[in-house]
């Protein structure tokens, strides 16, 4: 799980952080006039992708301690998504 989270979060986060010096170089070094909204949109997309990577890494983990998860965790994610949404939307029918 940790390696899946590391890759799905680390790569978009690293790319998003690399765009800041890239846009600075384009603006100051090459004197290209880049609108201010372009770096904001690019960073929003990559940082949002990193946030989705955290969510996928958690949901795609095997929640059964006796079973090892798969490489990409797709089978675990298909099984865990309904449980995740049910816990968020309060779909529990337990009576206390």
PDB file of N, CA and C in Angstrom:
ATOM      1  N   UNK A   1       0.825  -1.190   0.000  1.00  0.00           N
ATOM      2  CA  UNK A   1       0.000   0.000   0.000  1.00  0.00           C
ATOM      3  C   UNK A   1       0.866   1.249   0.000  1.00  0.00           C
ATOM      4  N   UNK A   2       1.894   1.263   0.804  1.00  0.00           N
ATOM      5  CA  UNK A   2       2.721   2.471   0.905  1.00  0.00           C
ATOM      6  C   UNK A   2       3.438   2.779  -0.404  1.00  0.00           C
ATOM      7  N   UNK A   3       3.877   1.769  -1.112  1.00  0.00           N
ATOM      8  CA  UNK A   3       4.538   2.036  -2.389  1.00  0.00           C
ATOM      9  C   UNK A   3       3.534   2.561  -3.414  1.00  0.00           C
ATOM     10  N   UNK A   4       2.294   2.034  -3.372  1.00  0.00           N
ATOM     11  CA  UNK A   4       1.261   2.518  -4.290  1.00  0.00           C
ATOM     12  C   UNK A   4       0.908   3.969  -3.975  1.00  0.00           C
ATOM     13  N   UNK A   5       0.784   4.311  -2.702  1.00  0.00           N
ATOM     14  CA  UNK A   5       0.518   5.696  -2.319  1.00  0.00           C
ATOM     15  C   UNK A   5       1.701   6.575  -2.688  1.00  0.00           C
ATOM     16  N   UNK A   6       2.907   6.088  -2.444  1.00  0.00           N
ATOM     17  CA  UNK A   6       4.102   6.866  -2.771  1.00  0.00           C
ATOM     18  C   UNK A   6       4.186   7.214  -4.250  1.00  0.00           C
ATOM     19  N   UNK A   7       3.869   6.253  -5.097  1.00  0.00           N
ATOM     20  CA  UNK A   7       3.916   6.515  -6.538  1.00  0.00           C
ATOM     21  C   UNK A   7       2.752   7.386  -6.999  1.00  0.00           C
ATOM     22  N   UNK A   8       1.548   7.080  -6.515  1.00  0.00           N
ATOM     23  CA  UNK A   8       0.384   7.815  -6.998  1.00  0.00           C
ATOM     24  C   UNK A   8       0.300   9.223  -6.434  1.00  0.00           C
ATOM     25  N   UNK A   9       1.025   9.491  -5.357  1.00  0.00           N
ATOM     26  CA  UNK A   9       1.068  10.843  -4.802  1.00  0.00           C
ATOM     27  C   UNK A   9       2.368  11.537  -5.188  1.00  0.00           C
ATOM     28  N   UNK A  10       3.460  10.822  -5.088  1.00  0.00           N
ATOM     29  CA  UNK A  10       4.771  11.429  -5.293  1.00  0.00           C
ATOM     30  C   UNK A  10       5.020  11.946  -6.691  1.00  0.00           C
ATOM     31  N   UNK A  11       4.621  11.185  -7.697  1.00  0.00           N
ATOM     32  CA  UNK A  11       4.884  11.595  -9.074  1.00  0.00           C
ATOM     33  C   UNK A  11       4.117  12.868  -9.437  1.00  0.00           C
ATOM     34  N   UNK A  12       2.778  12.933  -9.227  1.00  0.00           N
ATOM     35  CA  UNK A  12       2.092  14.190  -9.571  1.00  0.00           C
ATOM     36  C   UNK A  12       2.535  15.367  -8.702  1.00  0.00           C
ATOM     37  N   UNK A  13       2.831  15.110  -7.438  1.00  0.00           N
ATOM     38  CA  UNK A  13       3.283  16.188  -6.562  1.00  0.00           C
ATOM     39  C   UNK A  13       4.634  16.723  -7.025  1.00  0.00           C
ATOM     40  N   UNK A  14       5.549  15.840  -7.379  1.00  0.00           N
ATOM     41  CA  UNK A  14       6.870  16.241  -7.849  1.00  0.00           C
ATOM     42  C   UNK A  14       6.774  17.018  -9.166  1.00  0.00           C
ATOM     43  N   UNK A  15       5.939  16.525 -10.081  1.00  0.00           N
ATOM     44  CA  UNK A  15       5.766  17.224 -11.359  1.00  0.00           C
ATOM     45  C   UNK A  15       5.132  18.598 -11.132  1.00  0.00           C
ATOM     46  N   UNK A  16       4.139  18.653 -10.245  1.00  0.00           N
ATOM     47  CA  UNK A  16       3.510  19.933  -9.944  1.00  0.00           C
ATOM     48  C   UNK A  16       4.478  20.935  -9.350  1.00  0.00           C
ATOM     49  N   UNK A  17       5.383  20.460  -8.498  1.00  0.00           N
ATOM     50  CA  UNK A  17       6.384  21.355  -7.922  1.00  0.00           C
ATOM     51  C   UNK A  17       7.443  21.770  -8.939  1.00  0.00           C
ATOM     52  N   UNK A  18       7.723  20.913  -9.917  1.00  0.00           N
ATOM     53  CA  UNK A  18       8.698  21.263 -10.953  1.00  0.00           C
ATOM     54  C   UNK A  18       8.186  22.350 -11.903  1.00  0.00           C
ATOM     55  N   UNK A  19       6.886  22.499 -12.006  1.00  0.00           N
ATOM     56  CA  UNK A  19       6.347  23.509 -12.906  1.00  0.00           C
ATOM     57  C   UNK A  19       6.574  24.932 -12.404  1.00  0.00           C
ATOM     58  N   UNK A  20       6.712  25.136 -11.090  1.00  0.00           N
ATOM     59  CA  UNK A  20       6.945  26.492 -10.583  1.00  0.00           C
ATOM     60  C   UNK A  20       8.258  27.083 -11.103  1.00  0.00           C
ATOM     61  N   UNK A  21       9.401  26.382 -10.965  1.00  0.00           N
ATOM     62  CA  UNK A  21      10.619  26.949 -11.551  1.00  0.00           C
ATOM     63  C   UNK A  21      10.579  26.998 -13.075  1.00  0.00           C
ATOM     64  N   UNK A  22       9.839  26.088 -13.707  1.00  0.00           N
ATOM     65  CA  UNK A  22       9.710  26.095 -15.165  1.00  0.00           C
ATOM     66  C   UNK A  22       8.998  27.366 -15.628  1.00  0.00           C
ATOM     67  N   UNK A  23       7.886  27.709 -14.984  1.00  0.00           N
ATOM     68  CA  UNK A  23       7.178  28.928 -15.360  1.00  0.00           C
ATOM     69  C   UNK A  23       7.991  30.174 -15.017  1.00  0.00           C
ATOM     70  N   UNK A  24       8.744  30.115 -13.939  1.00  0.00           N
ATOM     71  CA  UNK A  24       9.623  31.240 -13.587  1.00  0.00           C
ATOM     72  C   UNK A  24      10.681  31.430 -14.665  1.00  0.00           C
ATOM     73  N   UNK A  25      11.267  30.335 -15.123  1.00  0.00           N
ATOM     74  CA  UNK A  25      12.282  30.411 -16.173  1.00  0.00           C
ATOM     75  C   UNK A  25      11.696  30.966 -17.470  1.00  0.00           C
ATOM     76  N   UNK A  26      10.501  30.519 -17.816  1.00  0.00           N
ATOM     77  CA  UNK A  26       9.870  31.038 -19.029  1.00  0.00           C
ATOM     78  C   UNK A  26       9.608  32.533 -18.922  1.00  0.00           C
ATOM     79  N   UNK A  27       9.164  32.978 -17.751  1.00  0.00           N
ATOM     80  CA  UNK A  27       8.796  34.377 -17.589  1.00  0.00           C
ATOM     81  C   UNK A  27      10.019  35.281 -17.447  1.00  0.00           C
ATOM     82  N   UNK A  28      10.975  34.890 -16.610  1.00  0.00           N
ATOM     83  CA  UNK A  28      12.128  35.751 -16.328  1.00  0.00           C
ATOM     84  C   UNK A  28      13.281  35.491 -17.297  1.00  0.00           C
ATOM     85  N   UNK A  29      13.579  34.224 -17.532  1.00  0.00           N
ATOM     86  CA  UNK A  29      14.725  33.896 -18.379  1.00  0.00           C
ATOM     87  C   UNK A  29      14.478  34.122 -19.847  1.00  0.00           C
ATOM     88  N   UNK A  30      13.345  33.628 -20.342  1.00  0.00           N
ATOM     89  CA  UNK A  30      13.051  33.734 -21.767  1.00  0.00           C
ATOM     90  C   UNK A  30      12.140  34.908 -22.111  1.00  0.00           C
ATOM     91  N   UNK A  31      11.702  35.630 -21.098  1.00  0.00           N
ATOM     92  CA  UNK A  31      10.845  36.816 -21.278  1.00  0.00           C
ATOM     93  C   UNK A  31       9.551  36.495 -22.042  1.00  0.00           C
ATOM     94  N   UNK A  32       8.979  35.325 -21.760  1.00  0.00           N
ATOM     95  CA  UNK A  32       7.697  34.943 -22.354  1.00  0.00           C
ATOM     96  C   UNK A  32       6.606  35.356 -21.377  1.00  0.00           C
ATOM     97  N   UNK A  33       5.638  36.093 -21.885  1.00  0.00           N
ATOM     98  CA  UNK A  33       4.559  36.559 -21.031  1.00  0.00           C
ATOM     99  C   UNK A  33       3.519  35.443 -20.858  1.00  0.00           C
ATOM    100  N   UNK A  34       3.528  34.851 -19.673  1.00  0.00           N
ATOM    101  CA  UNK A  34       2.589  33.779 -19.349  1.00  0.00           C
ATOM    102  C   UNK A  34       1.512  34.355 -18.447  1.00  0.00           C
ATOM    103  N   UNK A  35       0.238  34.146 -18.776  1.00  0.00           N
ATOM    104  CA  UNK A  35      -0.818  34.636 -17.897  1.00  0.00           C
ATOM    105  C   UNK A  35      -0.713  33.995 -16.511  1.00  0.00           C
ATOM    106  N   UNK A  36      -1.109  34.737 -15.519  1.00  0.00           N
ATOM    107  CA  UNK A  36      -0.993  34.266 -14.136  1.00  0.00           C
ATOM    108  C   UNK A  36      -1.824  33.018 -13.881  1.00  0.00           C
ATOM    109  N   UNK A  37      -2.921  32.868 -14.572  1.00  0.00           N
ATOM    110  CA  UNK A  37      -3.806  31.744 -14.315  1.00  0.00           C
ATOM    111  C   UNK A  37      -3.237  30.415 -14.792  1.00  0.00           C
ATOM    112  N   UNK A  38      -2.286  30.425 -15.719  1.00  0.00           N
ATOM    113  CA  UNK A  38      -1.740  29.174 -16.250  1.00  0.00           C
ATOM    114  C   UNK A  38      -1.010  28.363 -15.171  1.00  0.00           C
ATOM    115  N   UNK A  39      -0.078  28.968 -14.388  1.00  0.00           N
ATOM    116  CA  UNK A  39       0.546  28.171 -13.325  1.00  0.00           C
ATOM    117  C   UNK A  39      -0.455  27.703 -12.266  1.00  0.00           C
ATOM    118  N   UNK A  40      -1.475  28.517 -11.999  1.00  0.00           N
ATOM    119  CA  UNK A  40      -2.481  28.101 -11.020  1.00  0.00           C
ATOM    120  C   UNK A  40      -3.251  26.876 -11.497  1.00  0.00           C
ATOM    121  N   UNK A  41      -3.653  26.876 -12.763  1.00  0.00           N
ATOM    122  CA  UNK A  41      -4.406  25.739 -13.302  1.00  0.00           C
ATOM    123  C   UNK A  41      -3.531  24.489 -13.348  1.00  0.00           C
ATOM    124  N   UNK A  42      -2.297  24.641 -13.795  1.00  0.00           N
ATOM    125  CA  UNK A  42      -1.388  23.492 -13.885  1.00  0.00           C
ATOM    126  C   UNK A  42      -1.123  22.904 -12.501  1.00  0.00           C
ATOM    127  N   UNK A  43      -0.849  23.749 -11.513  1.00  0.00           N
ATOM    128  CA  UNK A  43      -0.609  23.245 -10.158  1.00  0.00           C
ATOM    129  C   UNK A  43      -1.880  22.644  -9.565  1.00  0.00           C
ATOM    130  N   UNK A  44      -3.040  23.231  -9.866  1.00  0.00           N
ATOM    131  CA  UNK A  44      -4.308  22.676  -9.385  1.00  0.00           C
ATOM    132  C   UNK A  44      -4.524  21.264  -9.922  1.00  0.00           C
ATOM    133  N   UNK A  45      -4.234  21.058 -11.193  1.00  0.00           N
ATOM    134  CA  UNK A  45      -4.426  19.740 -11.800  1.00  0.00           C
ATOM    135  C   UNK A  45      -3.483  18.715 -11.174  1.00  0.00           C
ATOM    136  N   UNK A  46      -2.217  19.042 -11.043  1.00  0.00           N
ATOM    137  CA  UNK A  46      -1.269  18.066 -10.514  1.00  0.00           C
ATOM    138  C   UNK A  46      -1.441  17.827  -9.016  1.00  0.00           C
ATOM    139  N   UNK A  47      -1.724  18.861  -8.252  1.00  0.00           N
ATOM    140  CA  UNK A  47      -1.946  18.660  -6.819  1.00  0.00           C
ATOM    141  C   UNK A  47      -3.265  17.937  -6.565  1.00  0.00           C
ATOM    142  N   UNK A  48      -4.268  18.201  -7.401  1.00  0.00           N
ATOM    143  CA  UNK A  48      -5.520  17.449  -7.304  1.00  0.00           C
ATOM    144  C   UNK A  48      -5.324  15.984  -7.637  1.00  0.00           C
ATOM    145  N   UNK A  49      -4.472  15.705  -8.618  1.00  0.00           N
ATOM    146  CA  UNK A  49      -4.157  14.322  -8.962  1.00  0.00           C
ATOM    147  C   UNK A  49      -3.441  13.632  -7.804  1.00  0.00           C
ATOM    148  N   UNK A  50      -2.571  14.349  -7.113  1.00  0.00           N
ATOM    149  CA  UNK A  50      -1.903  13.779  -5.944  1.00  0.00           C
ATOM    150  C   UNK A  50      -2.903  13.476  -4.839  1.00  0.00           C
ATOM    151  N   UNK A  51      -3.885  14.336  -4.654  1.00  0.00           N
ATOM    152  CA  UNK A  51      -4.920  14.079  -3.653  1.00  0.00           C
ATOM    153  C   UNK A  51      -5.740  12.846  -4.020  1.00  0.00           C
ATOM    154  N   UNK A  52      -6.071  12.704  -5.286  1.00  0.00           N
ATOM    155  CA  UNK A  52      -6.766  11.490  -5.720  1.00  0.00           C
ATOM    156  C   UNK A  52      -5.891  10.252  -5.530  1.00  0.00           C
ATOM    157  N   UNK A  53      -4.577  10.417  -5.661  1.00  0.00           N
ATOM    158  CA  UNK A  53      -3.660   9.303  -5.429  1.00  0.00           C
ATOM    159  C   UNK A  53      -3.671   8.829  -3.994  1.00  0.00           C
ATOM    160  N   UNK A  54      -3.807   9.758  -3.050  1.00  0.00           N
ATOM    161  CA  UNK A  54      -3.921   9.374  -1.639  1.00  0.00           C
ATOM    162  C   UNK A  54      -5.190   8.566  -1.432  1.00  0.00           C
ATOM    163  N   UNK A  55      -6.289   9.059  -1.982  1.00  0.00           N
ATOM    164  CA  UNK A  55      -7.567   8.356  -1.828  1.00  0.00           C
ATOM    165  C   UNK A  55      -7.515   6.967  -2.449  1.00  0.00           C
ATOM    166  N   UNK A  56      -6.973   6.873  -3.648  1.00  0.00           N
ATOM    167  CA  UNK A  56      -6.892   5.564  -4.297  1.00  0.00           C
ATOM    168  C   UNK A  56      -5.953   4.636  -3.532  1.00  0.00           C
ATOM    169  N   UNK A  57      -4.867   5.152  -3.025  1.00  0.00           N
ATOM    170  CA  UNK A  57      -3.940   4.315  -2.268  1.00  0.00           C
ATOM    171  C   UNK A  57      -4.569   3.728  -1.027  1.00  0.00           C
ATOM    172  N   UNK A  58      -5.408   4.491  -0.356  1.00  0.00           N
ATOM    173  CA  UNK A  58      -6.077   3.994   0.850  1.00  0.00           C
ATOM    174  C   UNK A  58      -7.163   2.992   0.493  1.00  0.00           C
ATOM    175  N   UNK A  59      -7.965   3.322  -0.502  1.00  0.00           N
ATOM    176  CA  UNK A  59      -9.088   2.448  -0.852  1.00  0.00           C
ATOM    177  C   UNK A  59      -8.615   1.173  -1.549  1.00  0.00           C
ATOM    178  N   UNK A  60      -7.508   1.223  -2.236  1.00  0.00           N
ATOM    179  CA  UNK A  60      -7.033   0.039  -2.949  1.00  0.00           C
ATOM    180  C   UNK A  60      -6.194  -0.883  -2.076  1.00  0.00           C
ATOM    181  N   UNK A  61      -6.055  -0.558  -0.809  1.00  0.00           N
ATOM    182  CA  UNK A  61      -5.310  -1.431   0.102  1.00  0.00           C
ATOM    183  C   UNK A  61      -6.200  -2.590   0.540  1.00  0.00           C
ATOM    184  N   UNK A  62      -5.582  -3.692   0.859  1.00  0.00           N
ATOM    185  CA  UNK A  62      -6.328  -4.824   1.391  1.00  0.00           C
ATOM    186  C   UNK A  62      -6.631  -4.541   2.852  1.00  0.00           C
ATOM    187  N   UNK A  63      -7.908  -4.437   3.189  1.00  0.00           N
ATOM    188  CA  UNK A  63      -8.310  -4.136   4.570  1.00  0.00           C
ATOM    189  C   UNK A  63      -8.384  -5.394   5.417  1.00  0.00           C
ATOM    190  N   UNK A  64      -8.139  -6.539   4.807  1.00  0.00           N
ATOM    191  CA  UNK A  64      -8.088  -7.799   5.533  1.00  0.00           C
ATOM    192  C   UNK A  64      -6.635  -8.056   5.903  1.00  0.00           C
ATOM    193  N   UNK A  65      -6.300  -8.071   7.198  1.00  0.00           N
ATOM    194  CA  UNK A  65      -4.892  -8.220   7.581  1.00  0.00           C
ATOM    195  C   UNK A  65      -4.288  -9.570   7.218  1.00  0.00           C
ATOM    196  N   UNK A  66      -5.108 -10.575   6.941  1.00  0.00           N
ATOM    197  CA  UNK A  66      -4.584 -11.898   6.616  1.00  0.00           C
ATOM    198  C   UNK A  66      -4.362 -12.097   5.121  1.00  0.00           C
ATOM    199  N   UNK A  67      -4.743 -11.100   4.304  1.00  0.00           N
ATOM    200  CA  UNK A  67      -4.622 -11.255   2.853  1.00  0.00           C
ATOM    201  C   UNK A  67      -3.731 -10.160   2.290  1.00  0.00           C
ATOM    202  N   UNK A  68      -2.829 -10.569   1.428  1.00  0.00           N
ATOM    203  CA  UNK A  68      -1.926  -9.620   0.762  1.00  0.00           C
ATOM    204  C   UNK A  68      -2.638  -9.026  -0.444  1.00  0.00           C
ATOM    205  N   UNK A  69      -2.509  -7.718  -0.645  1.00  0.00           N
ATOM    206  CA  UNK A  69      -3.142  -7.055  -1.784  1.00  0.00           C
ATOM    207  C   UNK A  69      -2.378  -7.294  -3.073  1.00  0.00           C
ATOM    208  N   UNK A  70      -3.011  -6.963  -4.175  1.00  0.00           N
ATOM    209  CA  UNK A  70      -2.378  -7.124  -5.482  1.00  0.00           C
ATOM    210  C   UNK A  70      -1.477  -5.924  -5.784  1.00  0.00           C
ATOM    211  N   UNK A  71      -0.814  -5.962  -6.923  1.00  0.00           N
ATOM    212  CA  UNK A  71       0.137  -4.910  -7.282  1.00  0.00           C
ATOM    213  C   UNK A  71      -0.540  -3.550  -7.460  1.00  0.00           C
ATOM    214  N   UNK A  72      -1.592  -3.493  -8.265  1.00  0.00           N
ATOM    215  CA  UNK A  72      -2.291  -2.228  -8.496  1.00  0.00           C
ATOM    216  C   UNK A  72      -3.472  -2.027  -7.553  1.00  0.00           C
ATOM    217  N   UNK A  73      -3.943  -3.078  -6.926  1.00  0.00           N
ATOM    218  CA  UNK A  73      -5.015  -2.967  -5.959  1.00  0.00           C
ATOM    219  C   UNK A  73      -6.393  -2.758  -6.547  1.00  0.00           C
ATOM    220  N   UNK A  74      -6.577  -3.108  -7.816  1.00  0.00           N
ATOM    221  CA  UNK A  74      -7.867  -2.853  -8.463  1.00  0.00           C
ATOM    222  C   UNK A  74      -8.984  -3.705  -7.853  1.00  0.00           C
ATOM    223  N   UNK A  75      -8.696  -4.991  -7.563  1.00  0.00           N
ATOM    224  CA  UNK A  75      -9.720  -5.853  -6.958  1.00  0.00           C
ATOM    225  C   UNK A  75     -10.102  -5.363  -5.568  1.00  0.00           C
ATOM    226  N   UNK A  76      -9.123  -4.920  -4.802  1.00  0.00           N
ATOM    227  CA  UNK A  76      -9.405  -4.400  -3.468  1.00  0.00           C
ATOM    228  C   UNK A  76     -10.207  -3.103  -3.545  1.00  0.00           C
ATOM    229  N   UNK A  77      -9.879  -2.258  -4.516  1.00  0.00           N
ATOM    230  CA  UNK A  77     -10.598  -0.993  -4.661  1.00  0.00           C
ATOM    231  C   UNK A  77     -12.060  -1.234  -5.023  1.00  0.00           C
ATOM    232  N   UNK A  78     -12.325  -2.185  -5.912  1.00  0.00           N
ATOM    233  CA  UNK A  78     -13.710  -2.490  -6.280  1.00  0.00           C
ATOM    234  C   UNK A  78     -14.497  -2.978  -5.061  1.00  0.00           C
ATOM    235  N   UNK A  79     -13.819  -3.687  -4.168  1.00  0.00           N
ATOM    236  CA  UNK A  79     -14.497  -4.204  -2.987  1.00  0.00           C
ATOM    237  C   UNK A  79     -14.640  -3.134  -1.900  1.00  0.00           C
ATOM    238  N   UNK A  80     -13.676  -2.223  -1.800  1.00  0.00           N
ATOM    239  CA  UNK A  80     -13.665  -1.250  -0.705  1.00  0.00           C
ATOM    240  C   UNK A  80     -14.429   0.037  -0.999  1.00  0.00           C
ATOM    241  N   UNK A  81     -14.624   0.390  -2.283  1.00  0.00           N
ATOM    242  CA  UNK A  81     -15.339   1.639  -2.596  1.00  0.00           C
ATOM    243  C   UNK A  81     -16.744   1.665  -2.009  1.00  0.00           C
ATOM    244  N   UNK A  82     -17.560   0.617  -2.142  1.00  0.00           N
ATOM    245  CA  UNK A  82     -18.898   0.681  -1.548  1.00  0.00           C
ATOM    246  C   UNK A  82     -18.865   0.852  -0.028  1.00  0.00           C
ATOM    247  N   UNK A  83     -17.930   0.206   0.627  1.00  0.00           N
ATOM    248  CA  UNK A  83     -17.803   0.352   2.083  1.00  0.00           C
ATOM    249  C   UNK A  83     -17.411   1.780   2.438  1.00  0.00           C
ATOM    250  N   UNK A  84     -16.505   2.351   1.661  1.00  0.00           N
ATOM    251  CA  UNK A  84     -16.058   3.728   1.889  1.00  0.00           C
ATOM    252  C   UNK A  84     -17.215   4.711   1.743  1.00  0.00           C
ATOM    253  N   UNK A  85     -17.964   4.613   0.645  1.00  0.00           N
ATOM    254  CA  UNK A  85     -19.073   5.547   0.419  1.00  0.00           C
ATOM    255  C   UNK A  85     -20.189   5.340   1.434  1.00  0.00           C
ATOM    256  N   UNK A  86     -20.424   4.108   1.834  1.00  0.00           N
ATOM    257  CA  UNK A  86     -21.461   3.847   2.828  1.00  0.00           C
ATOM    258  C   UNK A  86     -21.081   4.475   4.170  1.00  0.00           C
ATOM    259  N   UNK A  87     -19.814   4.443   4.515  1.00  0.00           N
ATOM    260  CA  UNK A  87     -19.393   5.048   5.772  1.00  0.00           C
ATOM    261  C   UNK A  87     -19.464   6.575   5.721  1.00  0.00           C
ATOM    262  N   UNK A  88     -19.243   7.166   4.554  1.00  0.00           N
ATOM    263  CA  UNK A  88     -19.316   8.621   4.439  1.00  0.00           C
ATOM    264  C   UNK A  88     -20.760   9.107   4.435  1.00  0.00           C
ATOM    265  N   UNK A  89     -21.616   8.422   3.702  1.00  0.00           N
ATOM    266  CA  UNK A  89     -23.002   8.879   3.564  1.00  0.00           C
ATOM    267  C   UNK A  89     -23.888   8.402   4.703  1.00  0.00           C
ATOM    268  N   UNK A  90     -23.311   7.753   5.698  1.00  0.00           N
ATOM    269  CA  UNK A  90     -24.103   7.323   6.849  1.00  0.00           C
ATOM    270  C   UNK A  90     -25.082   6.234   6.518  1.00  0.00           C
ATOM    271  N   UNK A  91     -24.687   5.322   5.683  1.00  0.00           N
ATOM    272  CA  UNK A  91     -25.577   4.243   5.271  1.00  0.00           C
ATOM    273  C   UNK A  91     -25.644   3.100   6.258  1.00  0.00           C
ATOM    274  N   UNK A  92     -25.103   3.287   7.429  1.00  0.00           N
ATOM    275  CA  UNK A  92     -25.107   2.233   8.421  1.00  0.00           C
ATOM    276  C   UNK A  92     -26.517   2.074   8.994  1.00  0.00           C
ATOM    277  N   UNK A  93     -26.986   0.846   9.084  1.00  0.00           N
ATOM    278  CA  UNK A  93     -28.322   0.578   9.618  1.00  0.00           C
ATOM    279  C   UNK A  93     -28.252   0.039  11.042  1.00  0.00           C
ATOM    280  N   UNK A  94     -27.177   0.306  11.741  1.00  0.00           N
ATOM    281  CA  UNK A  94     -27.021  -0.187  13.100  1.00  0.00           C
ATOM    282  C   UNK A  94     -27.907   0.612  14.052  1.00  0.00           C
ATOM    283  N   UNK A  95     -28.495  -0.083  14.998  1.00  0.00           N
ATOM    284  CA  UNK A  95     -29.310   0.577  16.017  1.00  0.00           C
ATOM    285  C   UNK A  95     -28.611   0.428  17.354  1.00  0.00           C
ATOM    286  N   UNK A  96     -28.465   1.537  18.033  1.00  0.00           N
ATOM    287  CA  UNK A  96     -27.772   1.520  19.319  1.00  0.00           C
ATOM    288  C   UNK A  96     -28.755   1.626  20.452  1.00  0.00           C
TER     289      UNK A  96
END
